[in-house]
């Protein structure tokens, strides 16, 4: 069984992306869940308290088995449905999301999820995914082409310098959308630099 957090996040992220781009793929749900978790860590919480973990595989990153299992269960339960635009909430799914969002256990997560998904308003969705591959944990996992956990105790230190610099770049920001967009833009610029050096 997936964690309740994975179930809630799958519904909330699909709902947000449905409003932005008419639907969501499973990989996009995982991508924005990972970005949400990164923002959770940026705000000072340990990744271990997010409710489920992420890994990088040889073919897919970020990946969460709990999200994948949760999405499959939500489709079987008819809370999510496949469409030409990807996954969409059904009316039953919208009711489920509304009920869960009323609980403090889940409502606190919306701050991070909404900041993550709203970044796709400022940065084209495909570019969000491309930029995130320059995040230190993902970049190292992709370079090693190995299956490995993300955001564990050994890897979280690689984010520390990024987050210190980010906090200095947006010291007056009271929301999380601004840091998310600034960081994704920075990561995207480092990809441009890597492409230039490799060409």
C-alpha atoms as a PDB file:
ATOM      1  CA  UNK A   1       0.000   0.000   0.000  1.00  0.00           C
ATOM      2  CA  UNK A   2       1.285   3.486  -0.820  1.00  0.00           C
ATOM      3  CA  UNK A   3       1.647   6.011   1.982  1.00  0.00           C
ATOM      4  CA  UNK A   4      -1.285   8.416   2.470  1.00  0.00           C
ATOM      5  CA  UNK A   5       1.132  11.227   1.577  1.00  0.00           C
ATOM      6  CA  UNK A   6       1.882   9.634  -1.796  1.00  0.00           C
ATOM      7  CA  UNK A   7      -1.847   9.268  -2.464  1.00  0.00           C
ATOM      8  CA  UNK A   8      -2.546  12.884  -1.538  1.00  0.00           C
ATOM      9  CA  UNK A   9       0.387  14.225  -3.554  1.00  0.00           C
ATOM     10  CA  UNK A  10      -0.661  12.240  -6.635  1.00  0.00           C
ATOM     11  CA  UNK A  11      -4.128  13.770  -6.476  1.00  0.00           C
ATOM     12  CA  UNK A  12      -2.954  17.310  -5.678  1.00  0.00           C
ATOM     13  CA  UNK A  13      -0.237  17.425  -8.349  1.00  0.00           C
ATOM     14  CA  UNK A  14      -2.529  15.925 -10.988  1.00  0.00           C
ATOM     15  CA  UNK A  15      -5.182  18.510 -10.092  1.00  0.00           C
ATOM     16  CA  UNK A  16      -2.715  21.398 -10.431  1.00  0.00           C
ATOM     17  CA  UNK A  17      -1.238  20.153 -13.706  1.00  0.00           C
ATOM     18  CA  UNK A  18      -4.701  19.431 -15.052  1.00  0.00           C
ATOM     19  CA  UNK A  19      -5.522  23.111 -14.551  1.00  0.00           C
ATOM     20  CA  UNK A  20      -2.260  24.165 -16.248  1.00  0.00           C
ATOM     21  CA  UNK A  21      -1.813  21.690 -19.103  1.00  0.00           C
ATOM     22  CA  UNK A  22      -5.019  19.584 -19.073  1.00  0.00           C
ATOM     23  CA  UNK A  23      -3.414  16.500 -17.542  1.00  0.00           C
ATOM     24  CA  UNK A  24      -0.313  14.882 -16.098  1.00  0.00           C
ATOM     25  CA  UNK A  25       1.843  11.876 -16.845  1.00  0.00           C
ATOM     26  CA  UNK A  26       3.091   9.623 -14.062  1.00  0.00           C
ATOM     27  CA  UNK A  27       6.618  10.918 -14.642  1.00  0.00           C
ATOM     28  CA  UNK A  28       5.421  14.522 -14.297  1.00  0.00           C
ATOM     29  CA  UNK A  29       3.707  13.671 -11.007  1.00  0.00           C
ATOM     30  CA  UNK A  30       6.995  12.186  -9.754  1.00  0.00           C
ATOM     31  CA  UNK A  31       8.965  15.190 -11.026  1.00  0.00           C
ATOM     32  CA  UNK A  32       6.812  17.748  -9.218  1.00  0.00           C
ATOM     33  CA  UNK A  33       6.595  15.591  -6.100  1.00  0.00           C
ATOM     34  CA  UNK A  34      10.397  15.543  -6.033  1.00  0.00           C
ATOM     35  CA  UNK A  35      10.560  19.315  -6.509  1.00  0.00           C
ATOM     36  CA  UNK A  36       7.990  19.691  -3.706  1.00  0.00           C
ATOM     37  CA  UNK A  37      10.189  17.567  -1.447  1.00  0.00           C
ATOM     38  CA  UNK A  38      13.233  19.657  -2.356  1.00  0.00           C
ATOM     39  CA  UNK A  39      11.345  22.813  -1.339  1.00  0.00           C
ATOM     40  CA  UNK A  40      10.386  21.053   1.910  1.00  0.00           C
ATOM     41  CA  UNK A  41      14.104  20.460   2.540  1.00  0.00           C
ATOM     42  CA  UNK A  42      14.911  24.055   1.524  1.00  0.00           C
ATOM     43  CA  UNK A  43      12.549  25.228   4.279  1.00  0.00           C
ATOM     44  CA  UNK A  44      14.581  23.262   6.816  1.00  0.00           C
ATOM     45  CA  UNK A  45      12.798  19.924   7.164  1.00  0.00           C
ATOM     46  CA  UNK A  46      14.542  16.569   6.714  1.00  0.00           C
ATOM     47  CA  UNK A  47      13.655  14.659   3.556  1.00  0.00           C
ATOM     48  CA  UNK A  48      12.961  11.613   5.743  1.00  0.00           C
ATOM     49  CA  UNK A  49       9.825  13.395   7.027  1.00  0.00           C
ATOM     50  CA  UNK A  50       8.307  13.842   3.545  1.00  0.00           C
ATOM     51  CA  UNK A  51       6.402  10.591   3.841  1.00  0.00           C
ATOM     52  CA  UNK A  52       8.003   8.580   1.030  1.00  0.00           C
ATOM     53  CA  UNK A  53      11.306   8.455  -0.770  1.00  0.00           C
ATOM     54  CA  UNK A  54      12.725   8.833  -4.248  1.00  0.00           C
ATOM     55  CA  UNK A  55      15.356   7.006  -6.214  1.00  0.00           C
ATOM     56  CA  UNK A  56      17.132   7.247  -9.534  1.00  0.00           C
ATOM     57  CA  UNK A  57      17.075   4.254 -11.826  1.00  0.00           C
ATOM     58  CA  UNK A  58      19.017   3.605 -15.004  1.00  0.00           C
ATOM     59  CA  UNK A  59      16.022   4.621 -17.095  1.00  0.00           C
ATOM     60  CA  UNK A  60      14.040   7.038 -14.940  1.00  0.00           C
ATOM     61  CA  UNK A  61      14.669   9.729 -12.368  1.00  0.00           C
ATOM     62  CA  UNK A  62      13.270  10.858 -10.058  1.00  0.00           C
ATOM     63  CA  UNK A  63      11.256   7.748  -9.326  1.00  0.00           C
ATOM     64  CA  UNK A  64       9.083   6.834  -6.340  1.00  0.00           C
ATOM     65  CA  UNK A  65       7.684   3.355  -6.027  1.00  0.00           C
ATOM     66  CA  UNK A  66       5.050   4.633  -3.611  1.00  0.00           C
ATOM     67  CA  UNK A  67       3.865   7.281  -6.070  1.00  0.00           C
ATOM     68  CA  UNK A  68       3.777   4.750  -8.892  1.00  0.00           C
ATOM     69  CA  UNK A  69       1.792   2.289  -6.776  1.00  0.00           C
ATOM     70  CA  UNK A  70      -0.462   5.075  -5.540  1.00  0.00           C
ATOM     71  CA  UNK A  71      -1.281   6.294  -9.038  1.00  0.00           C
ATOM     72  CA  UNK A  72      -2.125   2.766 -10.184  1.00  0.00           C
ATOM     73  CA  UNK A  73      -4.422   2.335  -7.170  1.00  0.00           C
ATOM     74  CA  UNK A  74      -6.091   5.708  -7.777  1.00  0.00           C
ATOM     75  CA  UNK A  75      -6.781   4.740 -11.398  1.00  0.00           C
ATOM     76  CA  UNK A  76      -8.240   1.390 -10.324  1.00  0.00           C
ATOM     77  CA  UNK A  77     -10.364   3.176  -7.714  1.00  0.00           C
ATOM     78  CA  UNK A  78     -11.556   5.634 -10.379  1.00  0.00           C
ATOM     79  CA  UNK A  79     -10.169   8.683  -8.584  1.00  0.00           C
ATOM     80  CA  UNK A  80      -7.855   9.249 -11.579  1.00  0.00           C
ATOM     81  CA  UNK A  81      -8.626   8.488 -15.209  1.00  0.00           C
ATOM     82  CA  UNK A  82      -6.475   8.296 -18.322  1.00  0.00           C
ATOM     83  CA  UNK A  83      -7.200  10.833 -21.053  1.00  0.00           C
ATOM     84  CA  UNK A  84      -5.547  12.039 -24.244  1.00  0.00           C
ATOM     85  CA  UNK A  85      -3.799  14.676 -22.104  1.00  0.00           C
ATOM     86  CA  UNK A  86      -2.651  12.215 -19.444  1.00  0.00           C
ATOM     87  CA  UNK A  87      -4.042  11.570 -15.986  1.00  0.00           C
ATOM     88  CA  UNK A  88      -6.996  13.660 -14.848  1.00  0.00           C
ATOM     89  CA  UNK A  89      -9.020  13.779 -11.648  1.00  0.00           C
ATOM     90  CA  UNK A  90     -12.500  12.327 -11.824  1.00  0.00           C
ATOM     91  CA  UNK A  91     -15.293  13.965  -9.846  1.00  0.00           C
ATOM     92  CA  UNK A  92     -14.750  11.302  -7.168  1.00  0.00           C
ATOM     93  CA  UNK A  93     -11.028  12.138  -7.176  1.00  0.00           C
ATOM     94  CA  UNK A  94     -11.773  15.833  -6.747  1.00  0.00           C
ATOM     95  CA  UNK A  95     -14.011  15.023  -3.776  1.00  0.00           C
ATOM     96  CA  UNK A  96     -11.309  12.796  -2.276  1.00  0.00           C
ATOM     97  CA  UNK A  97      -8.676  15.516  -2.701  1.00  0.00           C
ATOM     98  CA  UNK A  98     -10.962  18.114  -1.128  1.00  0.00           C
ATOM     99  CA  UNK A  99     -11.597  15.895   1.877  1.00  0.00           C
ATOM    100  CA  UNK A 100      -7.927  15.063   2.380  1.00  0.00           C
ATOM    101  CA  UNK A 101      -6.856  18.706   1.945  1.00  0.00           C
ATOM    102  CA  UNK A 102      -9.036  19.605   4.926  1.00  0.00           C
ATOM    103  CA  UNK A 103      -6.768  17.585   7.212  1.00  0.00           C
ATOM    104  CA  UNK A 104      -3.732  19.361   8.644  1.00  0.00           C
ATOM    105  CA  UNK A 105      -1.574  16.315   7.877  1.00  0.00           C
ATOM    106  CA  UNK A 106      -2.047  17.061   4.190  1.00  0.00           C
ATOM    107  CA  UNK A 107      -2.939  20.759   4.023  1.00  0.00           C
ATOM    108  CA  UNK A 108       0.574  21.728   5.146  1.00  0.00           C
ATOM    109  CA  UNK A 109       1.979  19.907   2.082  1.00  0.00           C
ATOM    110  CA  UNK A 110       0.028  22.145  -0.311  1.00  0.00           C
ATOM    111  CA  UNK A 111       2.473  25.011   0.302  1.00  0.00           C
ATOM    112  CA  UNK A 112       5.269  22.957  -1.271  1.00  0.00           C
ATOM    113  CA  UNK A 113       3.159  21.304  -3.964  1.00  0.00           C
ATOM    114  CA  UNK A 114       1.605  24.578  -5.140  1.00  0.00           C
ATOM    115  CA  UNK A 115       4.993  26.302  -5.317  1.00  0.00           C
ATOM    116  CA  UNK A 116       6.402  23.391  -7.330  1.00  0.00           C
ATOM    117  CA  UNK A 117       3.532  23.107  -9.803  1.00  0.00           C
ATOM    118  CA  UNK A 118       3.163  26.885 -10.147  1.00  0.00           C
ATOM    119  CA  UNK A 119       6.764  27.075 -11.345  1.00  0.00           C
ATOM    120  CA  UNK A 120       5.403  25.684 -14.631  1.00  0.00           C
ATOM    121  CA  UNK A 121       3.617  29.022 -15.084  1.00  0.00           C
ATOM    122  CA  UNK A 122       6.963  30.845 -15.170  1.00  0.00           C
ATOM    123  CA  UNK A 123       9.063  28.143 -16.834  1.00  0.00           C
ATOM    124  CA  UNK A 124       7.758  25.845 -19.601  1.00  0.00           C
ATOM    125  CA  UNK A 125       6.975  22.427 -18.154  1.00  0.00           C
ATOM    126  CA  UNK A 126       9.549  20.520 -20.263  1.00  0.00           C
ATOM    127  CA  UNK A 127      12.208  23.006 -19.142  1.00  0.00           C
ATOM    128  CA  UNK A 128      11.313  22.379 -15.482  1.00  0.00           C
ATOM    129  CA  UNK A 129      12.159  18.716 -15.975  1.00  0.00           C
ATOM    130  CA  UNK A 130      15.329  19.464 -17.922  1.00  0.00           C
ATOM    131  CA  UNK A 131      16.512  21.998 -15.328  1.00  0.00           C
ATOM    132  CA  UNK A 132      15.913  19.599 -12.468  1.00  0.00           C
ATOM    133  CA  UNK A 133      18.335  17.081 -14.014  1.00  0.00           C
ATOM    134  CA  UNK A 134      21.092  19.549 -13.025  1.00  0.00           C
ATOM    135  CA  UNK A 135      20.095  19.250  -9.351  1.00  0.00           C
ATOM    136  CA  UNK A 136      23.201  17.794  -7.614  1.00  0.00           C
ATOM    137  CA  UNK A 137      21.610  14.535  -6.471  1.00  0.00           C
ATOM    138  CA  UNK A 138      19.953  13.771  -9.798  1.00  0.00           C
ATOM    139  CA  UNK A 139      22.987  14.803 -11.821  1.00  0.00           C
ATOM    140  CA  UNK A 140      25.279  12.495  -9.879  1.00  0.00           C
ATOM    141  CA  UNK A 141      22.834   9.585 -10.133  1.00  0.00           C
ATOM    142  CA  UNK A 142      22.389  10.083 -13.880  1.00  0.00           C
ATOM    143  CA  UNK A 143      26.143  10.352 -14.426  1.00  0.00           C
ATOM    144  CA  UNK A 144      26.717   7.099 -12.551  1.00  0.00           C
ATOM    145  CA  UNK A 145      23.838   5.391 -14.419  1.00  0.00           C
ATOM    146  CA  UNK A 146      23.041   3.445 -11.284  1.00  0.00           C
ATOM    147  CA  UNK A 147      19.983   2.747  -9.207  1.00  0.00           C
ATOM    148  CA  UNK A 148      20.407   4.729  -6.029  1.00  0.00           C
ATOM    149  CA  UNK A 149      18.294   6.464  -3.404  1.00  0.00           C
ATOM    150  CA  UNK A 150      17.934  10.217  -3.635  1.00  0.00           C
ATOM    151  CA  UNK A 151      18.008  12.673  -0.733  1.00  0.00           C
ATOM    152  CA  UNK A 152      19.477  10.201   1.746  1.00  0.00           C
ATOM    153  CA  UNK A 153      21.881  11.327   4.466  1.00  0.00           C
ATOM    154  CA  UNK A 154      24.899  10.915   2.195  1.00  0.00           C
ATOM    155  CA  UNK A 155      23.446  12.866  -0.692  1.00  0.00           C
ATOM    156  CA  UNK A 156      21.585  15.687   1.022  1.00  0.00           C
ATOM    157  CA  UNK A 157      24.826  17.512   1.746  1.00  0.00           C
ATOM    158  CA  UNK A 158      25.280  18.199  -1.954  1.00  0.00           C
ATOM    159  CA  UNK A 159      22.208  20.448  -1.828  1.00  0.00           C
ATOM    160  CA  UNK A 160      23.420  22.481   1.138  1.00  0.00           C
ATOM    161  CA  UNK A 161      25.549  24.954  -0.844  1.00  0.00           C
ATOM    162  CA  UNK A 162      22.782  25.411  -3.413  1.00  0.00           C
ATOM    163  CA  UNK A 163      20.221  26.196  -0.746  1.00  0.00           C
ATOM    164  CA  UNK A 164      22.503  28.556   1.162  1.00  0.00           C
ATOM    165  CA  UNK A 165      23.146  30.511  -2.048  1.00  0.00           C
ATOM    166  CA  UNK A 166      19.447  30.453  -2.913  1.00  0.00           C
ATOM    167  CA  UNK A 167      18.469  31.836   0.487  1.00  0.00           C
ATOM    168  CA  UNK A 168      20.979  34.664  -0.036  1.00  0.00           C
ATOM    169  CA  UNK A 169      19.621  35.363  -3.536  1.00  0.00           C
ATOM    170  CA  UNK A 170      16.005  35.713  -2.375  1.00  0.00           C
ATOM    171  CA  UNK A 171      16.317  36.738   1.297  1.00  0.00           C
ATOM    172  CA  UNK A 172      13.053  38.689   1.412  1.00  0.00           C
ATOM    173  CA  UNK A 173      10.898  36.037  -0.249  1.00  0.00           C
ATOM    174  CA  UNK A 174       7.926  35.063   1.901  1.00  0.00           C
ATOM    175  CA  UNK A 175       6.638  32.502  -0.580  1.00  0.00           C
ATOM    176  CA  UNK A 176       8.260  29.433  -2.102  1.00  0.00           C
ATOM    177  CA  UNK A 177       7.422  30.106  -5.736  1.00  0.00           C
ATOM    178  CA  UNK A 178      10.131  32.741  -6.108  1.00  0.00           C
ATOM    179  CA  UNK A 179      12.931  30.511  -4.752  1.00  0.00           C
ATOM    180  CA  UNK A 180      11.644  27.624  -6.895  1.00  0.00           C
ATOM    181  CA  UNK A 181      11.733  29.664 -10.103  1.00  0.00           C
ATOM    182  CA  UNK A 182      15.096  31.292  -9.293  1.00  0.00           C
ATOM    183  CA  UNK A 183      16.655  27.904  -8.513  1.00  0.00           C
ATOM    184  CA  UNK A 184      15.216  26.172 -11.591  1.00  0.00           C
ATOM    185  CA  UNK A 185      16.436  29.063 -13.761  1.00  0.00           C
ATOM    186  CA  UNK A 186      19.893  28.737 -12.225  1.00  0.00           C
ATOM    187  CA  UNK A 187      19.926  24.971 -12.776  1.00  0.00           C
ATOM    188  CA  UNK A 188      18.853  25.513 -16.379  1.00  0.00           C
ATOM    189  CA  UNK A 189      21.717  27.950 -16.924  1.00  0.00           C
ATOM    190  CA  UNK A 190      24.222  25.391 -15.635  1.00  0.00           C
ATOM    191  CA  UNK A 191      22.890  22.908 -18.191  1.00  0.00           C
ATOM    192  CA  UNK A 192      23.524  25.464 -20.926  1.00  0.00           C
ATOM    193  CA  UNK A 193      27.085  25.781 -19.685  1.00  0.00           C
ATOM    194  CA  UNK A 194      27.580  22.019 -19.668  1.00  0.00           C
ATOM    195  CA  UNK A 195      26.202  21.764 -23.212  1.00  0.00           C
ATOM    196  CA  UNK A 196      28.569  24.495 -24.390  1.00  0.00           C
ATOM    197  CA  UNK A 197      31.608  22.784 -22.836  1.00  0.00           C
ATOM    198  CA  UNK A 198      30.709  19.418 -24.305  1.00  0.00           C
ATOM    199  CA  UNK A 199      30.178  20.722 -27.832  1.00  0.00           C
END
